[in-house]
Amino acid sequence: MFTASTMYFTANGRVVYAFSRDGAMLGSRWWRQLSPRTQQPVAGVWLMAALSFLIGSPAVFVRQVCWGLHS
């Protein structure tokens, strides 16, 4: 599960970088920056982590969503 989540964040961070590089996203100037040390789109990875948390948090806190996902 941890490995799948890590790959998800990394892959989607690269998608955010690609869209930002082409100017297709809001705030593209900030999202297209690469880390000087690793040359990875760290801001894009954090964006996807935050969005995943926001989208996934109702499944943890709302009982009906939990039952709907597991049934």
N, C-alpha and C. Protein backbone atom coordinates (compact mmCIF):
# COMPACT_ATOMS: atom_id res chain seq x y z
N MET A 1 0.82 -1.19 0.00
CA MET A 1 0.00 0.00 0.00
C MET A 1 0.87 1.26 0.00
N PHE A 2 1.92 1.25 0.82
CA PHE A 2 2.80 2.40 0.89
C PHE A 2 3.50 2.63 -0.45
N THR A 3 3.97 1.55 -1.08
CA THR A 3 4.67 1.68 -2.36
C THR A 3 3.72 2.19 -3.44
N ALA A 4 2.49 1.70 -3.45
CA ALA A 4 1.52 2.16 -4.44
C ALA A 4 1.21 3.64 -4.24
N SER A 5 1.09 4.07 -3.00
CA SER A 5 0.82 5.48 -2.73
C SER A 5 1.99 6.35 -3.16
N THR A 6 3.19 5.90 -2.89
CA THR A 6 4.38 6.65 -3.29
C THR A 6 4.46 6.79 -4.80
N MET A 7 4.19 5.72 -5.52
CA MET A 7 4.21 5.79 -6.98
C MET A 7 3.11 6.69 -7.51
N TYR A 8 1.95 6.67 -6.87
CA TYR A 8 0.84 7.52 -7.28
C TYR A 8 1.21 8.99 -7.15
N PHE A 9 1.76 9.37 -5.99
CA PHE A 9 2.13 10.76 -5.78
C PHE A 9 3.21 11.21 -6.74
N THR A 10 4.19 10.36 -6.96
CA THR A 10 5.30 10.71 -7.86
C THR A 10 4.82 10.85 -9.29
N ALA A 11 4.02 9.90 -9.76
CA ALA A 11 3.53 9.95 -11.14
C ALA A 11 2.63 11.16 -11.36
N ASN A 12 1.72 11.42 -10.43
CA ASN A 12 0.84 12.57 -10.59
C ASN A 12 1.57 13.88 -10.39
N GLY A 13 2.63 13.89 -9.59
CA GLY A 13 3.46 15.09 -9.48
C GLY A 13 4.11 15.43 -10.80
N ARG A 14 4.51 14.40 -11.54
CA ARG A 14 5.09 14.62 -12.87
C ARG A 14 4.05 15.11 -13.86
N VAL A 15 2.81 14.64 -13.73
CA VAL A 15 1.73 15.13 -14.59
C VAL A 15 1.46 16.60 -14.31
N VAL A 16 1.44 16.97 -13.03
CA VAL A 16 1.27 18.38 -12.65
C VAL A 16 2.40 19.20 -13.24
N TYR A 17 3.62 18.70 -13.17
CA TYR A 17 4.76 19.41 -13.74
C TYR A 17 4.60 19.59 -15.25
N ALA A 18 4.18 18.53 -15.94
CA ALA A 18 4.04 18.62 -17.40
C ALA A 18 2.96 19.63 -17.79
N PHE A 19 1.81 19.60 -17.12
CA PHE A 19 0.77 20.58 -17.42
C PHE A 19 1.22 21.99 -17.08
N SER A 20 1.93 22.15 -15.98
CA SER A 20 2.39 23.47 -15.57
C SER A 20 3.45 24.01 -16.52
N ARG A 21 4.33 23.14 -16.97
CA ARG A 21 5.37 23.54 -17.91
C ARG A 21 4.77 24.11 -19.18
N ASP A 22 3.63 23.54 -19.60
CA ASP A 22 2.95 23.99 -20.81
C ASP A 22 1.99 25.15 -20.55
N GLY A 23 1.86 25.57 -19.29
CA GLY A 23 1.00 26.69 -18.95
C GLY A 23 -0.47 26.32 -18.88
N ALA A 24 -0.80 25.05 -18.66
CA ALA A 24 -2.19 24.60 -18.68
C ALA A 24 -2.82 24.52 -17.29
N MET A 25 -2.11 24.98 -16.25
CA MET A 25 -2.66 24.93 -14.89
C MET A 25 -2.60 26.30 -14.25
N LEU A 26 -3.53 26.53 -13.34
CA LEU A 26 -3.46 27.75 -12.55
C LEU A 26 -2.24 27.67 -11.64
N GLY A 27 -1.53 28.75 -11.51
CA GLY A 27 -0.34 28.76 -10.68
C GLY A 27 0.81 27.99 -11.28
N SER A 28 0.85 27.91 -12.59
CA SER A 28 1.86 27.08 -13.25
C SER A 28 3.28 27.54 -12.98
N ARG A 29 3.47 28.81 -12.70
CA ARG A 29 4.82 29.29 -12.40
C ARG A 29 5.38 28.60 -11.16
N TRP A 30 4.52 28.36 -10.17
CA TRP A 30 4.98 27.74 -8.94
C TRP A 30 5.05 26.22 -9.05
N TRP A 31 4.07 25.60 -9.73
CA TRP A 31 4.02 24.13 -9.80
C TRP A 31 5.11 23.55 -10.69
N ARG A 32 5.64 24.31 -11.63
CA ARG A 32 6.64 23.75 -12.53
C ARG A 32 8.07 23.82 -11.99
N GLN A 33 8.25 24.34 -10.81
CA GLN A 33 9.60 24.42 -10.24
C GLN A 33 10.08 23.04 -9.82
N LEU A 34 11.35 22.78 -10.10
CA LEU A 34 11.98 21.53 -9.71
C LEU A 34 12.88 21.75 -8.52
N SER A 35 13.06 20.72 -7.74
CA SER A 35 13.99 20.78 -6.62
C SER A 35 15.41 20.88 -7.18
N PRO A 36 16.21 21.82 -6.69
CA PRO A 36 17.57 21.95 -7.24
C PRO A 36 18.45 20.74 -6.92
N ARG A 37 18.16 20.05 -5.84
CA ARG A 37 19.01 18.92 -5.45
C ARG A 37 18.63 17.64 -6.21
N THR A 38 17.33 17.35 -6.32
CA THR A 38 16.89 16.09 -6.91
C THR A 38 16.34 16.21 -8.32
N GLN A 39 16.06 17.44 -8.77
CA GLN A 39 15.45 17.69 -10.07
C GLN A 39 14.09 16.99 -10.21
N GLN A 40 13.34 16.97 -9.11
CA GLN A 40 12.01 16.38 -9.09
C GLN A 40 10.98 17.47 -8.79
N PRO A 41 9.75 17.32 -9.29
CA PRO A 41 8.70 18.32 -9.04
C PRO A 41 8.09 18.14 -7.65
N VAL A 42 8.80 18.57 -6.63
CA VAL A 42 8.38 18.37 -5.25
C VAL A 42 7.06 19.10 -4.97
N ALA A 43 6.88 20.29 -5.48
CA ALA A 43 5.63 21.03 -5.25
C ALA A 43 4.44 20.29 -5.84
N GLY A 44 4.62 19.68 -6.99
CA GLY A 44 3.53 18.90 -7.60
C GLY A 44 3.18 17.68 -6.79
N VAL A 45 4.17 17.03 -6.21
CA VAL A 45 3.92 15.87 -5.37
C VAL A 45 3.15 16.28 -4.12
N TRP A 46 3.53 17.40 -3.51
CA TRP A 46 2.80 17.88 -2.33
C TRP A 46 1.38 18.31 -2.68
N LEU A 47 1.20 18.89 -3.86
CA LEU A 47 -0.15 19.24 -4.30
C LEU A 47 -1.02 18.01 -4.40
N MET A 48 -0.50 16.95 -5.01
CA MET A 48 -1.29 15.73 -5.16
C MET A 48 -1.54 15.06 -3.81
N ALA A 49 -0.58 15.14 -2.90
CA ALA A 49 -0.78 14.57 -1.56
C ALA A 49 -1.90 15.32 -0.84
N ALA A 50 -1.91 16.65 -0.95
CA ALA A 50 -2.95 17.45 -0.30
C ALA A 50 -4.32 17.18 -0.91
N LEU A 51 -4.38 17.09 -2.22
CA LEU A 51 -5.66 16.81 -2.87
C LEU A 51 -6.16 15.42 -2.52
N SER A 52 -5.28 14.46 -2.45
CA SER A 52 -5.67 13.10 -2.08
C SER A 52 -6.20 13.06 -0.66
N PHE A 53 -5.56 13.81 0.23
CA PHE A 53 -6.04 13.87 1.61
C PHE A 53 -7.43 14.50 1.67
N LEU A 54 -7.63 15.60 0.95
CA LEU A 54 -8.92 16.28 0.97
C LEU A 54 -10.03 15.42 0.38
N ILE A 55 -9.71 14.69 -0.69
CA ILE A 55 -10.72 13.84 -1.32
C ILE A 55 -10.97 12.59 -0.48
N GLY A 56 -9.93 12.05 0.12
CA GLY A 56 -10.06 10.81 0.87
C GLY A 56 -10.50 10.96 2.31
N SER A 57 -10.40 12.13 2.88
CA SER A 57 -10.74 12.30 4.30
C SER A 57 -12.21 12.04 4.62
N PRO A 58 -13.18 12.33 3.75
CA PRO A 58 -14.55 11.97 4.09
C PRO A 58 -14.74 10.46 4.31
N ALA A 59 -13.95 9.66 3.64
CA ALA A 59 -14.06 8.21 3.82
C ALA A 59 -13.65 7.79 5.22
N VAL A 60 -12.82 8.56 5.88
CA VAL A 60 -12.38 8.24 7.23
C VAL A 60 -13.37 8.77 8.27
N PHE A 61 -13.91 9.95 8.02
CA PHE A 61 -14.69 10.63 9.04
C PHE A 61 -16.21 10.48 8.90
N VAL A 62 -16.69 10.06 7.78
CA VAL A 62 -18.13 9.94 7.57
C VAL A 62 -18.48 8.45 7.45
N ARG A 63 -19.31 7.99 8.33
CA ARG A 63 -19.62 6.56 8.41
C ARG A 63 -20.29 6.03 7.14
N GLN A 64 -21.18 6.80 6.53
CA GLN A 64 -21.87 6.34 5.34
C GLN A 64 -20.91 6.16 4.18
N VAL A 65 -19.92 7.03 4.07
CA VAL A 65 -18.94 6.89 2.99
C VAL A 65 -18.12 5.63 3.20
N CYS A 66 -17.74 5.37 4.45
CA CYS A 66 -16.98 4.14 4.77
C CYS A 66 -17.76 2.91 4.38
N TRP A 67 -19.04 2.86 4.76
CA TRP A 67 -19.86 1.70 4.43
C TRP A 67 -20.05 1.58 2.93
N GLY A 68 -20.18 2.69 2.23
CA GLY A 68 -20.33 2.64 0.78
C GLY A 68 -19.10 2.15 0.06
N LEU A 69 -17.93 2.50 0.60
CA LEU A 69 -16.68 2.05 -0.03
C LEU A 69 -16.40 0.59 0.23
N HIS A 70 -16.83 0.07 1.34
CA HIS A 70 -16.49 -1.29 1.73
C HIS A 70 -17.59 -2.30 1.42
N SER A 71 -18.71 -1.86 0.92
CA SER A 71 -19.77 -2.82 0.64
C SER A 71 -19.81 -3.22 -0.82
